[in-house]
């Protein structure tokens, strides 16, 4: 079956995700990527109303806290501008 685990996205790929959000003028999006066996990242889609709680529960990553921090902290929001 399909498994989910924490994966550190390389800085270049993080930058592409931020660029996409800037281009679309959005501050939140759930971006789906595939990592091929050859190590290439393939973009699938961005969901502007993506659901993330299930992945937070599966991976134990503090996604809710990160979103709350982003919404309440101007320093995080500055990353998007």
PDB file of N, CA and C in Angstrom:
ATOM      1  N   UNK A   1       0.800  -1.186   0.000  1.00  0.00           N
ATOM      2  CA  UNK A   1       0.000   0.000   0.000  1.00  0.00           C
ATOM      3  C   UNK A   1       0.849   1.259   0.000  1.00  0.00           C
ATOM      4  N   UNK A   2       0.190   2.341  -0.107  1.00  0.00           N
ATOM      5  CA  UNK A   2       0.821   3.654  -0.124  1.00  0.00           C
ATOM      6  C   UNK A   2       1.218   4.055   1.296  1.00  0.00           C
ATOM      7  N   UNK A   3       2.450   4.491   1.454  1.00  0.00           N
ATOM      8  CA  UNK A   3       2.913   4.964   2.760  1.00  0.00           C
ATOM      9  C   UNK A   3       3.240   6.447   2.677  1.00  0.00           C
ATOM     10  N   UNK A   4       3.164   7.106   3.796  1.00  0.00           N
ATOM     11  CA  UNK A   4       3.492   8.525   3.899  1.00  0.00           C
ATOM     12  C   UNK A   4       4.575   8.689   4.944  1.00  0.00           C
ATOM     13  N   UNK A   5       5.556   9.527   4.641  1.00  0.00           N
ATOM     14  CA  UNK A   5       6.633   9.794   5.593  1.00  0.00           C
ATOM     15  C   UNK A   5       7.146  11.201   5.375  1.00  0.00           C
ATOM     16  N   UNK A   6       7.851  11.690   6.353  1.00  0.00           N
ATOM     17  CA  UNK A   6       8.438  13.038   6.278  1.00  0.00           C
ATOM     18  C   UNK A   6       9.586  13.002   5.270  1.00  0.00           C
ATOM     19  N   UNK A   7       9.662  14.033   4.456  1.00  0.00           N
ATOM     20  CA  UNK A   7      10.708  14.136   3.438  1.00  0.00           C
ATOM     21  C   UNK A   7      11.154  15.588   3.365  1.00  0.00           C
ATOM     22  N   UNK A   8      12.439  15.819   3.432  1.00  0.00           N
ATOM     23  CA  UNK A   8      12.979  17.182   3.325  1.00  0.00           C
ATOM     24  C   UNK A   8      13.060  17.558   1.853  1.00  0.00           C
ATOM     25  N   UNK A   9      12.277  18.538   1.460  1.00  0.00           N
ATOM     26  CA  UNK A   9      12.266  19.010   0.082  1.00  0.00           C
ATOM     27  C   UNK A   9      13.491  19.890  -0.146  1.00  0.00           C
ATOM     28  N   UNK A  10      14.259  19.624  -1.199  1.00  0.00           N
ATOM     29  CA  UNK A  10      15.441  20.456  -1.465  1.00  0.00           C
ATOM     30  C   UNK A  10      15.067  21.930  -1.640  1.00  0.00           C
ATOM     31  N   UNK A  11      15.987  22.800  -1.307  1.00  0.00           N
ATOM     32  CA  UNK A  11      15.731  24.244  -1.359  1.00  0.00           C
ATOM     33  C   UNK A  11      15.245  24.685  -2.739  1.00  0.00           C
ATOM     34  N   UNK A  12      15.822  24.140  -3.791  1.00  0.00           N
ATOM     35  CA  UNK A  12      15.410  24.530  -5.149  1.00  0.00           C
ATOM     36  C   UNK A  12      13.933  24.212  -5.384  1.00  0.00           C
ATOM     37  N   UNK A  13      13.470  23.087  -4.871  1.00  0.00           N
ATOM     38  CA  UNK A  13      12.066  22.712  -5.040  1.00  0.00           C
ATOM     39  C   UNK A  13      11.177  23.570  -4.142  1.00  0.00           C
ATOM     40  N   UNK A  14      11.651  23.892  -2.941  1.00  0.00           N
ATOM     41  CA  UNK A  14      10.902  24.804  -2.070  1.00  0.00           C
ATOM     42  C   UNK A  14      10.720  26.147  -2.762  1.00  0.00           C
ATOM     43  N   UNK A  15      11.800  26.637  -3.372  1.00  0.00           N
ATOM     44  CA  UNK A  15      11.745  27.924  -4.072  1.00  0.00           C
ATOM     45  C   UNK A  15      10.718  27.896  -5.192  1.00  0.00           C
ATOM     46  N   UNK A  16      10.648  26.803  -5.924  1.00  0.00           N
ATOM     47  CA  UNK A  16       9.666  26.675  -7.002  1.00  0.00           C
ATOM     48  C   UNK A  16       8.243  26.717  -6.451  1.00  0.00           C
ATOM     49  N   UNK A  17       8.018  26.098  -5.304  1.00  0.00           N
ATOM     50  CA  UNK A  17       6.689  26.122  -4.690  1.00  0.00           C
ATOM     51  C   UNK A  17       6.313  27.538  -4.283  1.00  0.00           C
ATOM     52  N   UNK A  18       7.252  28.266  -3.681  1.00  0.00           N
ATOM     53  CA  UNK A  18       6.989  29.662  -3.316  1.00  0.00           C
ATOM     54  C   UNK A  18       6.732  30.510  -4.559  1.00  0.00           C
ATOM     55  N   UNK A  19       7.512  30.290  -5.612  1.00  0.00           N
ATOM     56  CA  UNK A  19       7.323  31.041  -6.858  1.00  0.00           C
ATOM     57  C   UNK A  19       5.936  30.791  -7.448  1.00  0.00           C
ATOM     58  N   UNK A  20       5.492  29.545  -7.408  1.00  0.00           N
ATOM     59  CA  UNK A  20       4.168  29.219  -7.914  1.00  0.00           C
ATOM     60  C   UNK A  20       3.095  29.954  -7.124  1.00  0.00           C
ATOM     61  N   UNK A  21       3.207  29.949  -5.812  1.00  0.00           N
ATOM     62  CA  UNK A  21       2.223  30.641  -4.977  1.00  0.00           C
ATOM     63  C   UNK A  21       2.231  32.139  -5.245  1.00  0.00           C
ATOM     64  N   UNK A  22       3.418  32.711  -5.408  1.00  0.00           N
ATOM     65  CA  UNK A  22       3.498  34.140  -5.727  1.00  0.00           C
ATOM     66  C   UNK A  22       2.830  34.432  -7.076  1.00  0.00           C
ATOM     67  N   UNK A  23       3.123  33.604  -8.065  1.00  0.00           N
ATOM     68  CA  UNK A  23       2.562  33.802  -9.403  1.00  0.00           C
ATOM     69  C   UNK A  23       1.042  33.702  -9.374  1.00  0.00           C
ATOM     70  N   UNK A  24       0.517  32.786  -8.578  1.00  0.00           N
ATOM     71  CA  UNK A  24      -0.930  32.624  -8.449  1.00  0.00           C
ATOM     72  C   UNK A  24      -1.544  33.606  -7.460  1.00  0.00           C
ATOM     73  N   UNK A  25      -0.682  34.366  -6.767  1.00  0.00           N
ATOM     74  CA  UNK A  25      -1.115  35.343  -5.763  1.00  0.00           C
ATOM     75  C   UNK A  25      -1.932  34.680  -4.649  1.00  0.00           C
ATOM     76  N   UNK A  26      -1.402  33.559  -4.142  1.00  0.00           N
ATOM     77  CA  UNK A  26      -2.037  32.854  -3.028  1.00  0.00           C
ATOM     78  C   UNK A  26      -1.019  32.693  -1.902  1.00  0.00           C
ATOM     79  N   UNK A  27      -1.519  32.650  -0.690  1.00  0.00           N
ATOM     80  CA  UNK A  27      -0.639  32.466   0.457  1.00  0.00           C
ATOM     81  C   UNK A  27      -0.729  31.072   1.041  1.00  0.00           C
ATOM     82  N   UNK A  28      -1.615  30.254   0.499  1.00  0.00           N
ATOM     83  CA  UNK A  28      -1.747  28.879   0.979  1.00  0.00           C
ATOM     84  C   UNK A  28      -2.115  27.984  -0.183  1.00  0.00           C
ATOM     85  N   UNK A  29      -1.486  26.850  -0.232  1.00  0.00           N
ATOM     86  CA  UNK A  29      -1.843  25.851  -1.220  1.00  0.00           C
ATOM     87  C   UNK A  29      -1.205  24.525  -0.839  1.00  0.00           C
ATOM     88  N   UNK A  30      -1.946  23.461  -1.008  1.00  0.00           N
ATOM     89  CA  UNK A  30      -1.404  22.122  -0.799  1.00  0.00           C
ATOM     90  C   UNK A  30      -0.879  21.647  -2.144  1.00  0.00           C
ATOM     91  N   UNK A  31       0.429  21.507  -2.241  1.00  0.00           N
ATOM     92  CA  UNK A  31       1.079  21.159  -3.498  1.00  0.00           C
ATOM     93  C   UNK A  31       1.418  19.672  -3.490  1.00  0.00           C
ATOM     94  N   UNK A  32       0.938  18.989  -4.509  1.00  0.00           N
ATOM     95  CA  UNK A  32       1.208  17.556  -4.653  1.00  0.00           C
ATOM     96  C   UNK A  32       2.358  17.367  -5.627  1.00  0.00           C
ATOM     97  N   UNK A  33       3.373  16.631  -5.174  1.00  0.00           N
ATOM     98  CA  UNK A  33       4.542  16.306  -5.981  1.00  0.00           C
ATOM     99  C   UNK A  33       4.773  14.805  -5.922  1.00  0.00           C
ATOM    100  N   UNK A  34       5.437  14.295  -6.933  1.00  0.00           N
ATOM    101  CA  UNK A  34       5.906  12.909  -6.932  1.00  0.00           C
ATOM    102  C   UNK A  34       7.419  12.947  -7.037  1.00  0.00           C
ATOM    103  N   UNK A  35       8.081  12.112  -6.272  1.00  0.00           N
ATOM    104  CA  UNK A  35       9.525  11.917  -6.406  1.00  0.00           C
ATOM    105  C   UNK A  35       9.733  10.622  -7.174  1.00  0.00           C
ATOM    106  N   UNK A  36      10.285  10.734  -8.378  1.00  0.00           N
ATOM    107  CA  UNK A  36      10.478   9.551  -9.214  1.00  0.00           C
ATOM    108  C   UNK A  36      11.649   8.720  -8.688  1.00  0.00           C
ATOM    109  N   UNK A  37      11.735   7.468  -9.097  1.00  0.00           N
ATOM    110  CA  UNK A  37      12.887   6.633  -8.701  1.00  0.00           C
ATOM    111  C   UNK A  37      14.224   7.241  -9.140  1.00  0.00           C
ATOM    112  N   UNK A  38      14.184   8.079 -10.179  1.00  0.00           N
ATOM    113  CA  UNK A  38      15.408   8.734 -10.660  1.00  0.00           C
ATOM    114  C   UNK A  38      15.751   9.993  -9.863  1.00  0.00           C
ATOM    115  N   UNK A  39      14.915  10.341  -8.893  1.00  0.00           N
ATOM    116  CA  UNK A  39      15.183  11.505  -8.056  1.00  0.00           C
ATOM    117  C   UNK A  39      14.650  12.812  -8.609  1.00  0.00           C
ATOM    118  N   UNK A  40      13.739  12.750  -9.570  1.00  0.00           N
ATOM    119  CA  UNK A  40      13.155  13.957 -10.162  1.00  0.00           C
ATOM    120  C   UNK A  40      11.817  14.255  -9.487  1.00  0.00           C
ATOM    121  N   UNK A  41      11.590  15.532  -9.194  1.00  0.00           N
ATOM    122  CA  UNK A  41      10.314  15.957  -8.623  1.00  0.00           C
ATOM    123  C   UNK A  41       9.374  16.332  -9.755  1.00  0.00           C
ATOM    124  N   UNK A  42       8.160  15.795  -9.697  1.00  0.00           N
ATOM    125  CA  UNK A  42       7.156  16.062 -10.717  1.00  0.00           C
ATOM    126  C   UNK A  42       5.959  16.724 -10.042  1.00  0.00           C
ATOM    127  N   UNK A  43       5.597  17.904 -10.535  1.00  0.00           N
ATOM    128  CA  UNK A  43       4.446  18.643 -10.010  1.00  0.00           C
ATOM    129  C   UNK A  43       3.163  18.004 -10.530  1.00  0.00           C
ATOM    130  N   UNK A  44       2.203  17.769  -9.619  1.00  0.00           N
ATOM    131  CA  UNK A  44       0.902  17.241 -10.013  1.00  0.00           C
ATOM    132  C   UNK A  44      -0.171  18.322  -9.992  1.00  0.00           C
ATOM    133  N   UNK A  45      -0.300  19.006  -8.847  1.00  0.00           N
ATOM    134  CA  UNK A  45      -1.344  20.019  -8.715  1.00  0.00           C
ATOM    135  C   UNK A  45      -1.127  20.841  -7.460  1.00  0.00           C
ATOM    136  N   UNK A  46      -1.845  21.956  -7.413  1.00  0.00           N
ATOM    137  CA  UNK A  46      -1.928  22.759  -6.193  1.00  0.00           C
ATOM    138  C   UNK A  46      -3.403  22.908  -5.852  1.00  0.00           C
ATOM    139  N   UNK A  47      -3.746  22.588  -4.630  1.00  0.00           N
ATOM    140  CA  UNK A  47      -5.112  22.740  -4.133  1.00  0.00           C
ATOM    141  C   UNK A  47      -5.153  23.944  -3.208  1.00  0.00           C
ATOM    142  N   UNK A  48      -5.904  24.947  -3.595  1.00  0.00           N
ATOM    143  CA  UNK A  48      -5.967  26.160  -2.789  1.00  0.00           C
ATOM    144  C   UNK A  48      -6.775  25.965  -1.523  1.00  0.00           C
ATOM    145  N   UNK A  49      -7.589  24.942  -1.482  1.00  0.00           N
ATOM    146  CA  UNK A  49      -8.347  24.591  -0.278  1.00  0.00           C
ATOM    147  C   UNK A  49      -8.020  23.167   0.147  1.00  0.00           C
ATOM    148  N   UNK A  50      -6.767  22.797  -0.027  1.00  0.00           N
ATOM    149  CA  UNK A  50      -6.342  21.426   0.255  1.00  0.00           C
ATOM    150  C   UNK A  50      -6.556  21.017   1.698  1.00  0.00           C
ATOM    151  N   UNK A  51      -6.813  19.757   1.870  1.00  0.00           N
ATOM    152  CA  UNK A  51      -6.983  19.198   3.205  1.00  0.00           C
ATOM    153  C   UNK A  51      -5.655  18.611   3.663  1.00  0.00           C
ATOM    154  N   UNK A  52      -5.267  18.910   4.875  1.00  0.00           N
ATOM    155  CA  UNK A  52      -3.949  18.526   5.371  1.00  0.00           C
ATOM    156  C   UNK A  52      -3.993  17.842   6.728  1.00  0.00           C
ATOM    157  N   UNK A  53      -5.130  17.864   7.425  1.00  0.00           N
ATOM    158  CA  UNK A  53      -5.171  17.309   8.780  1.00  0.00           C
ATOM    159  C   UNK A  53      -4.815  15.824   8.782  1.00  0.00           C
ATOM    160  N   UNK A  54      -5.267  15.095   7.775  1.00  0.00           N
ATOM    161  CA  UNK A  54      -4.977  13.658   7.722  1.00  0.00           C
ATOM    162  C   UNK A  54      -3.483  13.398   7.613  1.00  0.00           C
ATOM    163  N   UNK A  55      -2.761  14.222   6.867  1.00  0.00           N
ATOM    164  CA  UNK A  55      -1.317  14.010   6.737  1.00  0.00           C
ATOM    165  C   UNK A  55      -0.597  14.450   8.011  1.00  0.00           C
ATOM    166  N   UNK A  56      -1.128  15.474   8.690  1.00  0.00           N
ATOM    167  CA  UNK A  56      -0.573  15.874   9.979  1.00  0.00           C
ATOM    168  C   UNK A  56      -0.689  14.721  10.973  1.00  0.00           C
ATOM    169  N   UNK A  57      -1.839  14.085  11.009  1.00  0.00           N
ATOM    170  CA  UNK A  57      -2.045  12.969  11.932  1.00  0.00           C
ATOM    171  C   UNK A  57      -1.182  11.763  11.553  1.00  0.00           C
ATOM    172  N   UNK A  58      -1.009  11.531  10.259  1.00  0.00           N
ATOM    173  CA  UNK A  58      -0.218  10.393   9.793  1.00  0.00           C
ATOM    174  C   UNK A  58       1.265  10.569  10.084  1.00  0.00           C
ATOM    175  N   UNK A  59       1.774  11.788   9.875  1.00  0.00           N
ATOM    176  CA  UNK A  59       3.220  12.027   9.990  1.00  0.00           C
ATOM    177  C   UNK A  59       3.637  12.675  11.305  1.00  0.00           C
ATOM    178  N   UNK A  60       2.665  13.119  12.089  1.00  0.00           N
ATOM    179  CA  UNK A  60       2.943  13.802  13.352  1.00  0.00           C
ATOM    180  C   UNK A  60       3.692  15.124  13.152  1.00  0.00           C
ATOM    181  N   UNK A  61       3.544  15.730  11.982  1.00  0.00           N
ATOM    182  CA  UNK A  61       4.148  17.032  11.712  1.00  0.00           C
ATOM    183  C   UNK A  61       3.189  18.130  12.170  1.00  0.00           C
ATOM    184  N   UNK A  62       3.688  19.224  12.754  1.00  0.00           N
ATOM    185  CA  UNK A  62       2.830  20.277  13.315  1.00  0.00           C
ATOM    186  C   UNK A  62       2.311  21.255  12.248  1.00  0.00           C
ATOM    187  N   UNK A  63       1.542  20.742  11.292  1.00  0.00           N
ATOM    188  CA  UNK A  63       1.051  21.575  10.195  1.00  0.00           C
ATOM    189  C   UNK A  63       0.074  22.634  10.706  1.00  0.00           C
ATOM    190  N   UNK A  64      -0.828  22.263  11.601  1.00  0.00           N
ATOM    191  CA  UNK A  64      -1.792  23.233  12.151  1.00  0.00           C
ATOM    192  C   UNK A  64      -1.072  24.396  12.811  1.00  0.00           C
ATOM    193  N   UNK A  65      -0.050  24.090  13.588  1.00  0.00           N
ATOM    194  CA  UNK A  65       0.715  25.142  14.263  1.00  0.00           C
ATOM    195  C   UNK A  65       1.426  26.024  13.244  1.00  0.00           C
ATOM    196  N   UNK A  66       1.988  25.425  12.212  1.00  0.00           N
ATOM    197  CA  UNK A  66       2.692  26.209  11.190  1.00  0.00           C
ATOM    198  C   UNK A  66       1.737  27.159  10.484  1.00  0.00           C
ATOM    199  N   UNK A  67       0.534  26.697  10.188  1.00  0.00           N
ATOM    200  CA  UNK A  67      -0.448  27.567   9.534  1.00  0.00           C
ATOM    201  C   UNK A  67      -0.868  28.687  10.474  1.00  0.00           C
ATOM    202  N   UNK A  68      -1.111  28.363  11.745  1.00  0.00           N
ATOM    203  CA  UNK A  68      -1.479  29.398  12.715  1.00  0.00           C
ATOM    204  C   UNK A  68      -0.349  30.412  12.878  1.00  0.00           C
ATOM    205  N   UNK A  69       0.898  29.942  12.947  1.00  0.00           N
ATOM    206  CA  UNK A  69       2.044  30.848  13.051  1.00  0.00           C
ATOM    207  C   UNK A  69       2.120  31.763  11.835  1.00  0.00           C
ATOM    208  N   UNK A  70       1.916  31.208  10.660  1.00  0.00           N
ATOM    209  CA  UNK A  70       1.949  31.988   9.430  1.00  0.00           C
ATOM    210  C   UNK A  70       0.894  33.087   9.451  1.00  0.00           C
ATOM    211  N   UNK A  71      -0.304  32.735   9.876  1.00  0.00           N
ATOM    212  CA  UNK A  71      -1.408  33.693   9.873  1.00  0.00           C
ATOM    213  C   UNK A  71      -1.236  34.805  10.901  1.00  0.00           C
ATOM    214  N   UNK A  72      -0.476  34.539  11.950  1.00  0.00           N
ATOM    215  CA  UNK A  72      -0.348  35.518  13.034  1.00  0.00           C
ATOM    216  C   UNK A  72       1.009  36.194  13.097  1.00  0.00           C
ATOM    217  N   UNK A  73       1.933  35.826  12.209  1.00  0.00           N
ATOM    218  CA  UNK A  73       3.291  36.353  12.294  1.00  0.00           C
ATOM    219  C   UNK A  73       3.684  37.024  10.979  1.00  0.00           C
ATOM    220  N   UNK A  74       3.885  38.345  10.999  1.00  0.00           N
ATOM    221  CA  UNK A  74       4.249  39.060   9.772  1.00  0.00           C
ATOM    222  C   UNK A  74       5.550  38.571   9.142  1.00  0.00           C
ATOM    223  N   UNK A  75       6.472  38.032   9.935  1.00  0.00           N
ATOM    224  CA  UNK A  75       7.734  37.537   9.364  1.00  0.00           C
ATOM    225  C   UNK A  75       7.496  36.396   8.385  1.00  0.00           C
ATOM    226  N   UNK A  76       6.605  35.492   8.734  1.00  0.00           N
ATOM    227  CA  UNK A  76       6.292  34.384   7.828  1.00  0.00           C
ATOM    228  C   UNK A  76       5.615  34.907   6.575  1.00  0.00           C
ATOM    229  N   UNK A  77       4.670  35.831   6.755  1.00  0.00           N
ATOM    230  CA  UNK A  77       3.954  36.360   5.597  1.00  0.00           C
ATOM    231  C   UNK A  77       4.903  37.086   4.657  1.00  0.00           C
ATOM    232  N   UNK A  78       5.956  37.666   5.195  1.00  0.00           N
ATOM    233  CA  UNK A  78       6.928  38.384   4.363  1.00  0.00           C
ATOM    234  C   UNK A  78       7.627  37.437   3.376  1.00  0.00           C
ATOM    235  N   UNK A  79       7.719  36.161   3.708  1.00  0.00           N
ATOM    236  CA  UNK A  79       8.330  35.190   2.802  1.00  0.00           C
ATOM    237  C   UNK A  79       7.573  35.095   1.482  1.00  0.00           C
ATOM    238  N   UNK A  80       6.290  35.374   1.514  1.00  0.00           N
ATOM    239  CA  UNK A  80       5.460  35.234   0.323  1.00  0.00           C
ATOM    240  C   UNK A  80       5.514  36.479  -0.561  1.00  0.00           C
ATOM    241  N   UNK A  81       6.050  37.549  -0.060  1.00  0.00           N
ATOM    242  CA  UNK A  81       6.053  38.812  -0.844  1.00  0.00           C
ATOM    243  C   UNK A  81       7.359  39.033  -1.547  1.00  0.00           C
TER     244      UNK A  81
END
